[in-house]
Amino acid sequence: MAEDAPGQAERRRRAEGRGRWAEVLCVLALWGRGYRVLGRRVQTPVGELDIVARRGGVLAFVEVKARASRAAAAESVTPRQRRRILRAAAAFLARRPRLAGCAVRFDVMLVAPWRLPLHLKDAFRPEV
């Protein structure tokens, strides 16, 4: 295994901490809007889901992005990540048939310093 460049491990550790904090903020915001959080950092065989939340008959798979600005956070949701999230959501649902009747939505929550999380509902959809 190659050695990290000086400071790279520390930067990665800090980024991980910021990501965890952003997820906590987003969970609190979702709770405040009446969502029931079913899982955080949900591991599936094909990838991780940041937050899975339900409100009524809607099941939301929420990707959390924390960056220096909301614009930078929005830009960081790449097509490749969207495909991973879609596959992970399908794997999640395959193991939970009781959720089959829910309408599925893919949301993104953007977190920037000193701003409340911005919840983008139905931020992307599966390509047909």
N, C-alpha and C. Protein backbone atom coordinates (compact mmCIF):
# COMPACT_ATOMS: atom_id res chain seq x y z
N MET A 1 0.85 -1.18 0.00
CA MET A 1 0.00 0.00 0.00
C MET A 1 0.89 1.24 0.00
N ALA A 2 0.62 2.17 -0.86
CA ALA A 2 1.43 3.38 -0.98
C ALA A 2 1.17 4.33 0.19
N GLU A 3 2.19 5.05 0.55
CA GLU A 3 2.06 6.05 1.61
C GLU A 3 1.30 7.27 1.10
N ASP A 4 0.49 7.86 1.96
CA ASP A 4 -0.21 9.09 1.62
C ASP A 4 0.76 10.25 1.57
N ALA A 5 0.46 11.23 0.73
CA ALA A 5 1.24 12.46 0.73
C ALA A 5 1.08 13.11 2.10
N PRO A 6 2.06 13.89 2.53
CA PRO A 6 1.96 14.53 3.84
C PRO A 6 0.66 15.33 3.97
N GLY A 7 -0.07 15.05 5.02
CA GLY A 7 -1.30 15.79 5.28
C GLY A 7 -2.54 15.23 4.61
N GLN A 8 -2.37 14.31 3.66
CA GLN A 8 -3.53 13.79 2.93
C GLN A 8 -4.46 13.00 3.86
N ALA A 9 -3.91 12.20 4.74
CA ALA A 9 -4.73 11.43 5.67
C ALA A 9 -5.51 12.37 6.59
N GLU A 10 -4.86 13.43 7.02
CA GLU A 10 -5.52 14.40 7.90
C GLU A 10 -6.65 15.11 7.17
N ARG A 11 -6.43 15.50 5.91
CA ARG A 11 -7.50 16.14 5.12
C ARG A 11 -8.68 15.20 4.95
N ARG A 12 -8.37 13.94 4.68
CA ARG A 12 -9.44 12.96 4.51
C ARG A 12 -10.23 12.77 5.81
N ARG A 13 -9.53 12.74 6.94
CA ARG A 13 -10.18 12.59 8.24
C ARG A 13 -11.10 13.78 8.52
N ARG A 14 -10.63 14.99 8.21
CA ARG A 14 -11.46 16.18 8.42
C ARG A 14 -12.67 16.19 7.51
N ALA A 15 -12.48 15.79 6.26
CA ALA A 15 -13.60 15.72 5.32
C ALA A 15 -14.65 14.71 5.80
N GLU A 16 -14.19 13.60 6.34
CA GLU A 16 -15.10 12.59 6.89
C GLU A 16 -15.89 13.18 8.05
N GLY A 17 -15.23 13.92 8.91
CA GLY A 17 -15.91 14.56 10.04
C GLY A 17 -16.94 15.59 9.57
N ARG A 18 -16.59 16.38 8.56
CA ARG A 18 -17.55 17.35 8.01
C ARG A 18 -18.76 16.64 7.42
N GLY A 19 -18.50 15.53 6.74
CA GLY A 19 -19.59 14.77 6.15
C GLY A 19 -20.54 14.21 7.20
N ARG A 20 -19.99 13.68 8.26
CA ARG A 20 -20.83 13.14 9.35
C ARG A 20 -21.66 14.27 9.98
N TRP A 21 -21.04 15.41 10.21
CA TRP A 21 -21.75 16.54 10.80
C TRP A 21 -22.86 17.01 9.87
N ALA A 22 -22.59 17.07 8.58
CA ALA A 22 -23.60 17.48 7.60
C ALA A 22 -24.78 16.51 7.62
N GLU A 23 -24.50 15.23 7.74
CA GLU A 23 -25.58 14.24 7.80
C GLU A 23 -26.44 14.44 9.05
N VAL A 24 -25.82 14.75 10.17
CA VAL A 24 -26.58 15.01 11.40
C VAL A 24 -27.50 16.21 11.19
N LEU A 25 -26.97 17.29 10.61
CA LEU A 25 -27.80 18.47 10.35
C LEU A 25 -28.98 18.12 9.44
N CYS A 26 -28.72 17.32 8.43
CA CYS A 26 -29.79 16.95 7.49
C CYS A 26 -30.84 16.06 8.14
N VAL A 27 -30.41 15.14 8.99
CA VAL A 27 -31.37 14.30 9.72
C VAL A 27 -32.27 15.18 10.59
N LEU A 28 -31.67 16.13 11.30
CA LEU A 28 -32.46 17.03 12.14
C LEU A 28 -33.46 17.83 11.31
N ALA A 29 -33.01 18.32 10.15
CA ALA A 29 -33.90 19.08 9.27
C ALA A 29 -35.05 18.21 8.77
N LEU A 30 -34.75 16.97 8.42
CA LEU A 30 -35.80 16.06 7.95
C LEU A 30 -36.80 15.75 9.06
N TRP A 31 -36.30 15.48 10.26
CA TRP A 31 -37.20 15.23 11.39
C TRP A 31 -38.13 16.42 11.60
N GLY A 32 -37.56 17.62 11.52
CA GLY A 32 -38.35 18.83 11.70
C GLY A 32 -39.44 19.00 10.65
N ARG A 33 -39.27 18.37 9.51
CA ARG A 33 -40.27 18.45 8.43
C ARG A 33 -41.19 17.23 8.39
N GLY A 34 -41.13 16.42 9.44
CA GLY A 34 -42.06 15.31 9.54
C GLY A 34 -41.62 14.00 8.91
N TYR A 35 -40.36 13.88 8.54
CA TYR A 35 -39.85 12.63 7.98
C TYR A 35 -39.45 11.69 9.12
N ARG A 36 -39.59 10.41 8.86
CA ARG A 36 -39.08 9.39 9.78
C ARG A 36 -37.84 8.81 9.11
N VAL A 37 -36.71 8.93 9.77
CA VAL A 37 -35.45 8.45 9.20
C VAL A 37 -35.35 6.95 9.45
N LEU A 38 -35.29 6.19 8.37
CA LEU A 38 -35.21 4.73 8.45
C LEU A 38 -33.77 4.25 8.55
N GLY A 39 -32.84 5.07 8.07
CA GLY A 39 -31.45 4.66 8.15
C GLY A 39 -30.50 5.77 7.73
N ARG A 40 -29.31 5.70 8.30
CA ARG A 40 -28.21 6.60 7.94
C ARG A 40 -27.02 5.74 7.57
N ARG A 41 -26.30 6.17 6.54
CA ARG A 41 -25.12 5.43 6.08
C ARG A 41 -25.46 3.96 5.88
N VAL A 42 -26.53 3.73 5.15
CA VAL A 42 -27.03 2.38 4.92
C VAL A 42 -26.13 1.70 3.89
N GLN A 43 -25.55 0.58 4.29
CA GLN A 43 -24.66 -0.18 3.41
C GLN A 43 -25.46 -1.19 2.60
N THR A 44 -25.24 -1.21 1.30
CA THR A 44 -25.81 -2.24 0.43
C THR A 44 -24.65 -2.87 -0.32
N PRO A 45 -24.87 -4.00 -0.98
CA PRO A 45 -23.78 -4.62 -1.72
C PRO A 45 -23.22 -3.74 -2.85
N VAL A 46 -23.98 -2.74 -3.29
CA VAL A 46 -23.53 -1.92 -4.42
C VAL A 46 -23.21 -0.47 -4.04
N GLY A 47 -23.27 -0.15 -2.77
CA GLY A 47 -22.92 1.21 -2.36
C GLY A 47 -23.67 1.65 -1.12
N GLU A 48 -23.31 2.83 -0.65
CA GLU A 48 -23.90 3.39 0.57
C GLU A 48 -24.96 4.43 0.24
N LEU A 49 -26.00 4.45 1.06
CA LEU A 49 -27.04 5.48 0.98
C LEU A 49 -26.86 6.37 2.21
N ASP A 50 -26.75 7.69 2.00
CA ASP A 50 -26.51 8.59 3.13
C ASP A 50 -27.67 8.57 4.11
N ILE A 51 -28.89 8.82 3.61
CA ILE A 51 -30.08 8.84 4.47
C ILE A 51 -31.23 8.21 3.70
N VAL A 52 -31.99 7.37 4.39
CA VAL A 52 -33.24 6.85 3.85
C VAL A 52 -34.33 7.33 4.80
N ALA A 53 -35.30 8.06 4.26
CA ALA A 53 -36.34 8.65 5.10
C ALA A 53 -37.71 8.45 4.47
N ARG A 54 -38.71 8.43 5.32
CA ARG A 54 -40.07 8.24 4.83
C ARG A 54 -40.98 9.29 5.44
N ARG A 55 -41.87 9.78 4.61
CA ARG A 55 -42.92 10.69 5.07
C ARG A 55 -44.18 10.28 4.34
N GLY A 56 -45.12 9.75 5.09
CA GLY A 56 -46.34 9.24 4.48
C GLY A 56 -46.00 8.11 3.53
N GLY A 57 -46.51 8.20 2.31
CA GLY A 57 -46.27 7.16 1.32
C GLY A 57 -45.07 7.40 0.45
N VAL A 58 -44.20 8.36 0.84
CA VAL A 58 -43.02 8.68 0.03
C VAL A 58 -41.76 8.20 0.75
N LEU A 59 -40.97 7.44 0.02
CA LEU A 59 -39.68 6.98 0.52
C LEU A 59 -38.60 7.78 -0.20
N ALA A 60 -37.80 8.52 0.55
CA ALA A 60 -36.77 9.39 -0.03
C ALA A 60 -35.39 8.82 0.26
N PHE A 61 -34.61 8.68 -0.81
CA PHE A 61 -33.20 8.34 -0.68
C PHE A 61 -32.46 9.67 -0.82
N VAL A 62 -31.79 10.07 0.24
CA VAL A 62 -31.22 11.41 0.32
C VAL A 62 -29.70 11.35 0.29
N GLU A 63 -29.12 12.01 -0.70
CA GLU A 63 -27.66 12.16 -0.80
C GLU A 63 -27.30 13.49 -0.16
N VAL A 64 -26.34 13.47 0.75
CA VAL A 64 -25.91 14.68 1.46
C VAL A 64 -24.57 15.12 0.88
N LYS A 65 -24.49 16.40 0.53
CA LYS A 65 -23.25 16.95 0.00
C LYS A 65 -22.89 18.20 0.79
N ALA A 66 -21.71 18.20 1.39
CA ALA A 66 -21.22 19.35 2.15
C ALA A 66 -19.99 19.90 1.43
N ARG A 67 -20.05 21.16 1.09
CA ARG A 67 -18.95 21.83 0.41
C ARG A 67 -18.87 23.27 0.91
N ALA A 68 -17.93 24.03 0.39
CA ALA A 68 -17.73 25.42 0.81
C ALA A 68 -18.90 26.30 0.41
N SER A 69 -19.64 25.91 -0.64
CA SER A 69 -20.82 26.66 -1.07
C SER A 69 -21.87 25.67 -1.54
N ARG A 70 -23.12 26.14 -1.57
CA ARG A 70 -24.18 25.28 -2.07
C ARG A 70 -23.97 24.93 -3.54
N ALA A 71 -23.46 25.89 -4.30
CA ALA A 71 -23.21 25.63 -5.73
C ALA A 71 -22.18 24.52 -5.90
N ALA A 72 -21.12 24.57 -5.11
CA ALA A 72 -20.10 23.53 -5.19
C ALA A 72 -20.66 22.19 -4.74
N ALA A 73 -21.52 22.21 -3.74
CA ALA A 73 -22.15 20.97 -3.27
C ALA A 73 -23.04 20.38 -4.37
N ALA A 74 -23.82 21.22 -5.02
CA ALA A 74 -24.72 20.75 -6.09
C ALA A 74 -23.92 20.15 -7.24
N GLU A 75 -22.82 20.78 -7.59
CA GLU A 75 -22.00 20.30 -8.69
C GLU A 75 -21.32 18.97 -8.39
N SER A 76 -21.22 18.63 -7.12
CA SER A 76 -20.49 17.42 -6.74
C SER A 76 -21.33 16.14 -6.86
N VAL A 77 -22.59 16.26 -7.21
CA VAL A 77 -23.43 15.07 -7.42
C VAL A 77 -23.29 14.69 -8.90
N THR A 78 -22.38 13.77 -9.14
CA THR A 78 -22.03 13.41 -10.51
C THR A 78 -22.98 12.34 -11.07
N PRO A 79 -23.02 12.19 -12.39
CA PRO A 79 -23.82 11.11 -12.98
C PRO A 79 -23.42 9.73 -12.45
N ARG A 80 -22.14 9.52 -12.25
CA ARG A 80 -21.68 8.23 -11.70
C ARG A 80 -22.25 8.00 -10.30
N GLN A 81 -22.27 9.04 -9.45
CA GLN A 81 -22.84 8.91 -8.10
C GLN A 81 -24.33 8.64 -8.18
N ARG A 82 -25.01 9.30 -9.10
CA ARG A 82 -26.44 9.07 -9.25
C ARG A 82 -26.71 7.62 -9.60
N ARG A 83 -25.93 7.07 -10.50
CA ARG A 83 -26.11 5.65 -10.87
C ARG A 83 -25.88 4.74 -9.67
N ARG A 84 -24.84 5.05 -8.86
CA ARG A 84 -24.57 4.26 -7.66
C ARG A 84 -25.73 4.34 -6.68
N ILE A 85 -26.28 5.53 -6.50
CA ILE A 85 -27.40 5.71 -5.58
C ILE A 85 -28.63 4.94 -6.07
N LEU A 86 -28.88 5.00 -7.36
CA LEU A 86 -30.01 4.26 -7.93
C LEU A 86 -29.85 2.75 -7.71
N ARG A 87 -28.65 2.23 -7.94
CA ARG A 87 -28.41 0.79 -7.71
C ARG A 87 -28.53 0.44 -6.24
N ALA A 88 -28.00 1.29 -5.37
CA ALA A 88 -28.08 1.03 -3.93
C ALA A 88 -29.53 1.08 -3.45
N ALA A 89 -30.31 2.01 -3.97
CA ALA A 89 -31.73 2.09 -3.59
C ALA A 89 -32.47 0.83 -4.03
N ALA A 90 -32.18 0.34 -5.24
CA ALA A 90 -32.83 -0.89 -5.72
C ALA A 90 -32.47 -2.06 -4.81
N ALA A 91 -31.21 -2.14 -4.40
CA ALA A 91 -30.78 -3.22 -3.49
C ALA A 91 -31.47 -3.09 -2.14
N PHE A 92 -31.60 -1.86 -1.64
CA PHE A 92 -32.28 -1.61 -0.37
C PHE A 92 -33.73 -2.08 -0.45
N LEU A 93 -34.42 -1.69 -1.51
CA LEU A 93 -35.83 -2.04 -1.67
C LEU A 93 -36.04 -3.54 -1.88
N ALA A 94 -35.11 -4.19 -2.54
CA ALA A 94 -35.24 -5.63 -2.79
C ALA A 94 -35.28 -6.42 -1.49
N ARG A 95 -34.67 -5.90 -0.46
CA ARG A 95 -34.64 -6.59 0.84
C ARG A 95 -35.75 -6.14 1.78
N ARG A 96 -36.59 -5.21 1.33
CA ARG A 96 -37.66 -4.67 2.18
C ARG A 96 -38.98 -4.60 1.41
N PRO A 97 -39.59 -5.75 1.18
CA PRO A 97 -40.81 -5.78 0.37
C PRO A 97 -41.96 -4.97 0.98
N ARG A 98 -41.94 -4.73 2.27
CA ARG A 98 -43.03 -3.95 2.89
C ARG A 98 -43.02 -2.49 2.41
N LEU A 99 -41.92 -2.04 1.84
CA LEU A 99 -41.83 -0.66 1.34
C LEU A 99 -42.19 -0.56 -0.15
N ALA A 100 -42.55 -1.69 -0.76
CA ALA A 100 -42.81 -1.72 -2.20
C ALA A 100 -43.93 -0.77 -2.63
N GLY A 101 -44.87 -0.48 -1.75
CA GLY A 101 -45.99 0.39 -2.11
C GLY A 101 -45.66 1.88 -2.03
N CYS A 102 -44.49 2.22 -1.57
CA CYS A 102 -44.11 3.64 -1.43
C CYS A 102 -43.71 4.23 -2.77
N ALA A 103 -44.02 5.50 -2.92
CA ALA A 103 -43.48 6.26 -4.05
C ALA A 103 -42.02 6.56 -3.70
N VAL A 104 -41.12 6.31 -4.64
CA VAL A 104 -39.68 6.49 -4.40
C VAL A 104 -39.23 7.81 -5.00
N ARG A 105 -38.41 8.51 -4.23
CA ARG A 105 -37.89 9.80 -4.66
C ARG A 105 -36.40 9.87 -4.32
N PHE A 106 -35.66 10.57 -5.17
CA PHE A 106 -34.22 10.75 -4.95
C PHE A 106 -33.96 12.23 -4.70
N ASP A 107 -33.57 12.52 -3.47
CA ASP A 107 -33.35 13.89 -3.02
C ASP A 107 -31.86 14.14 -2.81
N VAL A 108 -31.50 15.41 -2.78
CA VAL A 108 -30.15 15.84 -2.42
C VAL A 108 -30.30 16.94 -1.39
N MET A 109 -29.45 16.89 -0.37
CA MET A 109 -29.42 17.98 0.61
C MET A 109 -28.03 18.60 0.55
N LEU A 110 -28.02 19.91 0.34
CA LEU A 110 -26.78 20.66 0.20
C LEU A 110 -26.46 21.38 1.51
N VAL A 111 -25.23 21.22 1.96
CA VAL A 111 -24.81 21.83 3.23
C VAL A 111 -23.60 22.70 2.96
N ALA A 112 -23.69 23.95 3.39
CA ALA A 112 -22.58 24.91 3.27
C ALA A 112 -22.42 25.59 4.64
N PRO A 113 -21.22 26.05 4.94
CA PRO A 113 -20.99 26.68 6.24
C PRO A 113 -21.96 27.83 6.52
N TRP A 114 -22.46 27.83 7.74
CA TRP A 114 -23.31 28.90 8.26
C TRP A 114 -24.64 29.03 7.52
N ARG A 115 -25.07 27.96 6.86
CA ARG A 115 -26.35 27.94 6.16
C ARG A 115 -27.11 26.70 6.60
N LEU A 116 -28.43 26.82 6.65
CA LEU A 116 -29.24 25.63 6.91
C LEU A 116 -29.17 24.72 5.69
N PRO A 117 -29.32 23.42 5.89
CA PRO A 117 -29.30 22.51 4.73
C PRO A 117 -30.42 22.86 3.75
N LEU A 118 -30.10 22.81 2.47
CA LEU A 118 -31.07 23.04 1.42
C LEU A 118 -31.52 21.69 0.88
N HIS A 119 -32.82 21.41 1.00
CA HIS A 119 -33.38 20.12 0.60
C HIS A 119 -33.93 20.23 -0.81
N LEU A 120 -33.30 19.54 -1.76
CA LEU A 120 -33.76 19.50 -3.14
C LEU A 120 -34.53 18.20 -3.34
N LYS A 121 -35.85 18.31 -3.28
CA LYS A 121 -36.70 17.13 -3.44
C LYS A 121 -36.73 16.72 -4.90
N ASP A 122 -36.76 15.42 -5.12
CA ASP A 122 -36.85 14.87 -6.47
C ASP A 122 -35.73 15.45 -7.36
N ALA A 123 -34.52 15.47 -6.82
CA ALA A 123 -33.38 16.11 -7.48
C ALA A 123 -32.98 15.40 -8.77
N PHE A 124 -33.19 14.11 -8.81
CA PHE A 124 -32.92 13.36 -10.04
C PHE A 124 -33.80 12.12 -10.07
N ARG A 125 -33.92 11.57 -11.27
CA ARG A 125 -34.77 10.41 -11.49
C ARG A 125 -33.99 9.36 -12.29
N PRO A 126 -34.43 8.12 -12.17
CA PRO A 126 -33.78 7.08 -12.98
C PRO A 126 -34.00 7.38 -14.46
N GLU A 127 -32.96 7.14 -15.25
CA GLU A 127 -33.10 7.33 -16.70
C GLU A 127 -33.86 6.13 -17.27
N VAL A 128 -34.76 6.40 -18.17
CA VAL A 128 -35.58 5.33 -18.72
C VAL A 128 -34.99 4.78 -19.99
